[in-house]
Amino acid sequence: MRKYICLLAMMAGYGLPLMAQQKNTHRPVYETRDLTAENMFSVNIEGPNFDKAGNFYVVNFQQDGTIGKINTKTGAGEIFVTLPDSSIANGIHFNSKGTMFLPDFIRHNVLTIDMKTKKVGVYVHSDQFNQPNDLCINSKDQIFVSDPKWASNTGQIWRIDPGNHTPILLEGNMGTTNGIELSPDEKTLYVNESVQRKIWKYKVDKAGNISRKTLFATFPDFGFDGMKCDKVGNLYVARWGKGVIAVLSPKGKLIQEVPLKGKQCSNLVFGDKDGKTVYVTLQDRKCVETFRVTIPGKRF
């Protein structure tokens, strides 16, 4: 009994109650749990991401046009920034310097937020943008942008080079471009088309140009939204309307589907210290769900 009491004291010294530590250690993989309460966000909840310090952010907290900062232990949240000029962000991304980047589909912008001052700036504006939807950023801080036009079910792909405020059109003859992601080695770019239910892959050269467009995967029903890669290159795809995260191998084979409580899953990100918790935004429930996995995200 004395040894047991000492063990309890040692574990409490790590800053978590024993029960919480056991829960984290033994939580089953692919079992979905709620992080936040329902209806904490607007219907446009999207773009979950973590900064270098491990702080968790999600767009459209409480109302459109905000960036929410969410406590990953309690699920509580607060407004981090309210965007000016009626802008609404679809996603959150960070470059190597820790600057936050936001696709602003209302004002045809890619915005930045200085994390210290919370100052919002326009990084790139283009009248040729349709509705900038999602981003991915490589190790050189080049930004790849999906740019759908929902009214005509068409889309584009852009690249923005660091220090260059003129976007470069990489592909203009697309379907409804939505989720966009780079492989862990940054040699493959994945882009999905929501309405057409297709995922394409491109070869990416050292300059950030794309070529060799190849059909990576296609599905007969429902839609697509955000995508993220794990460390070995498996692609996690939000199947909007079906309420699952589809996991595809680097060869495009469906490995499994992780069922969620909500149906309108809009995006996801890998988080926590080990990179093995997936955080998913749900537009129908207006909340965040999580599940554990065996392989960490590509940034871990």
Protein backbone atom coordinates (compact mmCIF):
# COMPACT_ATOMS: atom_id res chain seq x y z
CA MET A 1 0.00 0.00 0.00
CA ARG A 2 2.84 2.38 0.85
CA LYS A 3 4.46 1.78 -2.56
CA TYR A 4 1.11 2.40 -4.25
CA ILE A 5 0.70 5.75 -2.47
CA CYS A 6 4.22 6.76 -3.52
CA LEU A 7 3.45 5.83 -7.11
CA LEU A 8 0.34 8.01 -7.05
CA ALA A 9 2.36 10.92 -5.73
CA MET A 10 5.01 10.51 -8.41
CA MET A 11 2.43 10.47 -11.21
CA ALA A 12 0.63 13.50 -9.78
CA GLY A 13 3.94 15.33 -9.95
CA TYR A 14 3.79 15.26 -13.73
CA GLY A 15 0.97 17.79 -13.65
CA LEU A 16 -1.95 15.52 -14.59
CA PRO A 17 -4.32 13.54 -12.37
CA LEU A 18 -3.73 9.80 -12.49
CA MET A 19 -7.08 9.19 -14.17
CA ALA A 20 -6.27 11.68 -16.95
CA GLN A 21 -2.88 10.12 -17.56
CA GLN A 22 -4.40 6.66 -17.81
CA LYS A 23 -7.03 7.97 -20.20
CA ASN A 24 -4.39 9.49 -22.50
CA THR A 25 -2.21 6.39 -22.37
CA HIS A 26 -4.94 3.86 -22.99
CA ARG A 27 -7.29 5.74 -25.26
CA PRO A 28 -8.25 3.44 -28.15
CA VAL A 29 -7.17 4.49 -31.64
CA TYR A 30 -9.83 5.69 -34.11
CA GLU A 31 -12.37 6.23 -31.31
CA THR A 32 -13.97 9.65 -31.79
CA ARG A 33 -14.57 11.99 -28.87
CA ASP A 34 -15.83 15.56 -28.61
CA LEU A 35 -13.28 18.21 -27.70
CA THR A 36 -15.69 21.16 -27.70
CA ALA A 37 -19.38 21.51 -27.05
CA GLU A 38 -21.73 21.66 -30.03
CA ASN A 39 -22.62 25.06 -31.54
CA MET A 40 -19.48 26.82 -30.28
CA PHE A 41 -18.65 27.88 -33.85
CA SER A 42 -20.46 29.18 -36.90
CA VAL A 43 -21.49 26.83 -39.69
CA ASN A 44 -18.22 27.81 -41.41
CA ILE A 45 -16.02 26.13 -38.79
CA GLU A 46 -12.81 25.12 -40.59
CA GLY A 47 -9.04 25.26 -40.62
CA PRO A 48 -7.83 23.69 -37.35
CA ASN A 49 -4.11 24.14 -36.73
CA PHE A 50 -1.39 24.45 -34.06
CA ASP A 51 1.36 27.01 -33.70
CA LYS A 52 4.89 26.02 -32.68
CA ALA A 53 4.06 26.46 -29.00
CA GLY A 54 1.19 23.98 -29.26
CA ASN A 55 -1.65 26.50 -29.13
CA PHE A 56 -4.73 25.37 -31.05
CA TYR A 57 -6.68 27.64 -33.40
CA VAL A 58 -9.89 27.22 -35.41
CA VAL A 59 -11.63 29.72 -37.69
CA ASN A 60 -15.09 31.18 -37.10
CA PHE A 61 -15.39 30.77 -33.35
CA GLN A 62 -18.85 31.90 -32.18
CA GLN A 63 -19.37 33.82 -35.44
CA ASP A 64 -17.94 34.25 -38.93
CA GLY A 65 -14.82 36.37 -39.32
CA THR A 66 -13.07 35.31 -36.13
CA ILE A 67 -10.09 33.16 -35.23
CA GLY A 68 -10.69 31.12 -32.08
CA LYS A 69 -8.04 29.90 -29.65
CA ILE A 70 -9.15 26.61 -28.11
CA ASN A 71 -7.93 24.87 -24.97
CA THR A 72 -7.19 21.25 -25.95
CA LYS A 73 -7.63 20.02 -22.37
CA THR A 74 -10.95 21.64 -21.50
CA GLY A 75 -12.47 22.44 -24.91
CA ALA A 76 -13.07 26.04 -23.85
CA GLY A 77 -12.35 28.82 -26.32
CA GLU A 78 -11.81 32.52 -26.77
CA ILE A 79 -11.59 34.92 -29.70
CA PHE A 80 -7.95 35.40 -30.69
CA VAL A 81 -8.57 37.83 -33.57
CA THR A 82 -11.57 39.32 -35.36
CA LEU A 83 -10.80 39.90 -39.03
CA PRO A 84 -11.46 43.36 -40.55
CA ASP A 85 -13.45 44.27 -43.68
CA SER A 86 -15.98 41.43 -43.34
CA SER A 87 -13.27 38.91 -44.23
CA ILE A 88 -13.93 35.24 -43.48
CA ALA A 89 -11.10 32.72 -43.35
CA ASN A 90 -11.37 29.12 -44.51
CA GLY A 91 -8.15 27.80 -43.05
CA ILE A 92 -5.19 28.44 -40.76
CA HIS A 93 -1.57 27.75 -41.68
CA PHE A 94 1.86 28.74 -40.36
CA ASN A 95 5.12 29.35 -42.20
CA SER A 96 8.61 28.60 -40.87
CA LYS A 97 8.72 31.95 -39.05
CA GLY A 98 5.48 31.29 -37.19
CA THR A 99 3.34 33.78 -39.11
CA MET A 100 -0.30 32.76 -39.47
CA PHE A 101 -1.70 32.65 -43.01
CA LEU A 102 -5.42 32.65 -43.82
CA PRO A 103 -7.24 32.17 -47.15
CA ASP A 104 -9.97 34.84 -47.20
CA PHE A 105 -12.64 33.71 -49.64
CA ILE A 106 -14.77 36.83 -49.25
CA ARG A 107 -12.15 39.45 -50.20
CA HIS A 108 -10.01 37.35 -52.59
CA ASN A 109 -7.04 37.56 -50.24
CA VAL A 110 -4.43 35.54 -48.45
CA LEU A 111 -4.12 37.25 -45.07
CA THR A 112 -1.40 37.19 -42.42
CA ILE A 113 -1.55 37.62 -38.66
CA ASP A 114 1.44 38.66 -36.59
CA MET A 115 1.17 36.33 -33.60
CA LYS A 116 2.70 38.85 -31.18
CA THR A 117 0.82 41.99 -32.16
CA LYS A 118 -2.27 40.26 -33.65
CA LYS A 119 -2.03 42.69 -36.55
CA VAL A 120 -3.88 41.47 -39.66
CA GLY A 121 -2.32 42.18 -43.05
CA VAL A 122 -3.04 41.38 -46.69
CA TYR A 123 -0.22 39.17 -47.94
CA VAL A 124 -1.66 38.74 -51.44
CA HIS A 125 -4.77 40.09 -53.13
CA SER A 126 -5.81 39.13 -56.65
CA ASP A 127 -8.95 39.84 -58.62
CA GLN A 128 -8.17 36.58 -60.45
CA PHE A 129 -8.81 34.60 -57.29
CA ASN A 130 -12.20 32.92 -57.18
CA GLN A 131 -12.61 32.02 -53.52
CA PRO A 132 -9.27 31.03 -51.92
CA ASN A 133 -10.20 27.95 -49.95
CA ASP A 134 -7.25 26.14 -48.46
CA LEU A 135 -3.45 26.35 -48.33
CA CYS A 136 -0.40 24.22 -47.76
CA ILE A 137 3.08 25.63 -47.15
CA ASN A 138 6.38 23.88 -47.88
CA SER A 139 9.71 24.17 -46.07
CA LYS A 140 10.75 27.02 -48.43
CA ASP A 141 7.63 28.96 -47.36
CA GLN A 142 6.05 28.63 -50.81
CA ILE A 143 2.28 28.63 -50.47
CA PHE A 144 0.00 26.43 -52.61
CA VAL A 145 -3.60 27.62 -52.81
CA SER A 146 -6.79 25.82 -53.83
CA ASP A 147 -9.26 28.24 -55.43
CA PRO A 148 -12.72 26.92 -56.27
CA LYS A 149 -15.58 28.66 -58.02
CA TRP A 150 -18.57 26.92 -56.53
CA ALA A 151 -21.13 28.54 -58.82
CA SER A 152 -19.66 26.80 -61.88
CA ASN A 153 -18.02 23.80 -60.17
CA THR A 154 -14.61 24.85 -61.48
CA GLY A 155 -11.34 25.72 -59.80
CA GLN A 156 -7.69 26.72 -59.93
CA ILE A 157 -4.38 26.06 -58.16
CA TRP A 158 -1.97 28.89 -57.34
CA ARG A 159 1.51 29.22 -55.89
CA ILE A 160 2.74 32.22 -53.92
CA ASP A 161 6.51 32.52 -53.48
CA PRO A 162 7.93 34.21 -50.37
CA GLY A 163 8.49 37.91 -50.95
CA ASN A 164 6.46 37.87 -54.18
CA HIS A 165 2.98 39.33 -53.95
CA THR A 166 1.98 38.17 -57.43
CA PRO A 167 0.38 34.70 -57.36
CA ILE A 168 1.46 32.20 -60.02
CA LEU A 169 -1.28 30.19 -61.69
CA LEU A 170 -0.27 26.52 -61.72
CA GLU A 171 -3.48 24.93 -63.02
CA GLY A 172 -6.59 26.66 -64.30
CA ASN A 173 -8.65 23.87 -65.78
CA MET A 174 -9.87 22.13 -62.65
CA GLY A 175 -13.06 21.01 -61.02
CA THR A 176 -14.12 22.35 -57.63
CA THR A 177 -10.70 22.48 -55.99
CA ASN A 178 -10.80 22.20 -52.21
CA GLY A 179 -8.41 20.21 -50.02
CA ILE A 180 -4.71 20.63 -50.84
CA GLU A 181 -1.69 18.95 -49.24
CA LEU A 182 1.98 18.15 -49.84
CA SER A 183 3.53 14.76 -49.20
CA PRO A 184 6.11 14.54 -46.39
CA ASP A 185 9.01 14.79 -48.88
CA GLU A 186 7.24 17.71 -50.62
CA LYS A 187 7.65 16.02 -54.02
CA THR A 188 3.92 15.33 -54.47
CA LEU A 189 1.01 17.77 -54.32
CA TYR A 190 -2.48 16.38 -53.68
CA VAL A 191 -5.56 18.41 -54.66
CA ASN A 192 -9.14 17.23 -54.43
CA GLU A 193 -12.25 18.31 -56.34
CA SER A 194 -15.28 18.25 -54.05
CA VAL A 195 -18.10 18.07 -56.58
CA GLN A 196 -16.27 15.76 -59.01
CA ARG A 197 -15.14 13.49 -56.12
CA LYS A 198 -11.63 13.15 -57.49
CA ILE A 199 -8.22 13.48 -55.85
CA TRP A 200 -5.34 14.40 -58.16
CA LYS A 201 -1.63 14.21 -57.53
CA TYR A 202 1.15 16.22 -59.18
CA LYS A 203 4.91 15.94 -59.24
CA VAL A 204 6.48 19.03 -57.62
CA ASP A 205 9.96 20.15 -58.74
CA LYS A 206 12.54 22.11 -56.73
CA ALA A 207 11.14 25.42 -57.97
CA GLY A 208 7.60 24.55 -56.87
CA ASN A 209 6.24 23.89 -60.37
CA ILE A 210 3.80 21.03 -60.83
CA SER A 211 3.56 18.41 -63.60
CA ARG A 212 2.46 14.83 -64.36
CA LYS A 213 -1.14 15.25 -63.25
CA THR A 214 -2.43 11.80 -62.27
CA LEU A 215 -5.74 10.62 -60.84
CA PHE A 216 -4.90 9.45 -57.33
CA ALA A 217 -8.34 8.34 -56.09
CA THR A 218 -12.02 8.75 -56.82
CA PHE A 219 -15.19 8.02 -54.86
CA PRO A 220 -18.76 7.41 -56.10
CA ASP A 221 -20.57 9.45 -53.44
CA PHE A 222 -20.48 12.36 -51.00
CA GLY A 223 -17.82 15.09 -51.16
CA PHE A 224 -14.31 16.07 -50.10
CA ASP A 225 -12.88 18.82 -47.98
CA GLY A 226 -9.56 19.22 -46.12
CA MET A 227 -6.67 16.74 -46.31
CA LYS A 228 -3.52 16.07 -44.26
CA CYS A 229 -0.63 13.58 -44.54
CA ASP A 230 0.86 11.50 -41.78
CA LYS A 231 4.58 10.90 -41.40
CA VAL A 232 4.74 7.91 -43.77
CA GLY A 233 2.67 9.60 -46.48
CA ASN A 234 -0.83 8.25 -45.84
CA LEU A 235 -3.42 10.86 -46.83
CA TYR A 236 -6.29 11.62 -44.42
CA VAL A 237 -9.29 13.03 -46.32
CA ALA A 238 -12.39 14.66 -44.84
CA ARG A 239 -15.37 13.04 -46.60
CA TRP A 240 -17.89 15.87 -46.29
CA GLY A 241 -21.45 14.53 -46.03
CA LYS A 242 -20.42 10.98 -45.19
CA GLY A 243 -18.97 11.85 -41.82
CA VAL A 244 -15.76 9.86 -42.07
CA ILE A 245 -12.06 10.53 -42.43
CA ALA A 246 -10.81 8.32 -45.26
CA VAL A 247 -7.21 7.15 -44.93
CA LEU A 248 -5.46 6.49 -48.25
CA SER A 249 -2.05 4.92 -48.76
CA PRO A 250 0.60 6.73 -50.86
CA LYS A 251 -0.57 4.52 -53.75
CA GLY A 252 -4.18 5.68 -53.42
CA LYS A 253 -5.54 2.54 -51.76
CA LEU A 254 -8.27 3.03 -49.15
CA ILE A 255 -6.82 1.73 -45.90
CA GLN A 256 -9.76 2.55 -43.65
CA GLU A 257 -12.47 5.03 -42.80
CA VAL A 258 -12.76 6.60 -39.35
CA PRO A 259 -16.43 7.30 -38.51
CA LEU A 260 -17.28 10.61 -36.86
CA LYS A 261 -20.33 11.74 -34.89
CA GLY A 262 -21.04 14.55 -37.33
CA LYS A 263 -21.47 14.24 -41.09
CA GLN A 264 -20.12 17.54 -42.45
CA CYS A 265 -16.41 17.19 -41.65
CA SER A 266 -14.62 20.20 -43.11
CA ASN A 267 -10.95 19.80 -42.15
CA LEU A 268 -8.45 18.12 -39.86
CA VAL A 269 -4.99 18.45 -38.35
CA PHE A 270 -2.58 16.26 -36.38
CA GLY A 271 -1.72 17.54 -32.92
CA ASP A 272 -0.52 16.94 -29.35
CA LYS A 273 3.11 16.37 -28.38
CA ASP A 274 3.32 13.00 -30.10
CA GLY A 275 1.39 14.10 -33.20
CA LYS A 276 -1.00 11.18 -32.86
CA THR A 277 -4.26 12.98 -32.10
CA VAL A 278 -6.34 14.08 -35.09
CA TYR A 279 -8.56 17.13 -34.58
CA VAL A 280 -11.57 17.39 -36.94
CA THR A 281 -13.92 20.34 -37.52
CA LEU A 282 -17.63 19.50 -38.05
CA GLN A 283 -19.91 22.02 -39.74
CA ASP A 284 -23.22 20.37 -38.90
CA ARG A 285 -22.38 20.02 -35.19
CA LYS A 286 -20.33 23.25 -35.14
CA CYS A 287 -17.72 21.66 -32.94
CA VAL A 288 -14.41 19.79 -32.88
CA GLU A 289 -14.03 16.02 -32.56
CA THR A 290 -10.79 14.12 -31.98
CA PHE A 291 -9.41 10.61 -32.37
CA ARG A 292 -6.07 8.92 -31.77
CA VAL A 293 -3.93 7.25 -34.47
CA THR A 294 -0.81 5.08 -34.52
CA ILE A 295 1.30 7.16 -36.94
CA PRO A 296 1.99 10.86 -36.20
CA GLY A 297 1.38 13.69 -38.63
CA LYS A 298 4.09 14.60 -41.11
CA ARG A 299 5.35 17.58 -39.10
CA PHE A 300 6.18 15.46 -36.03
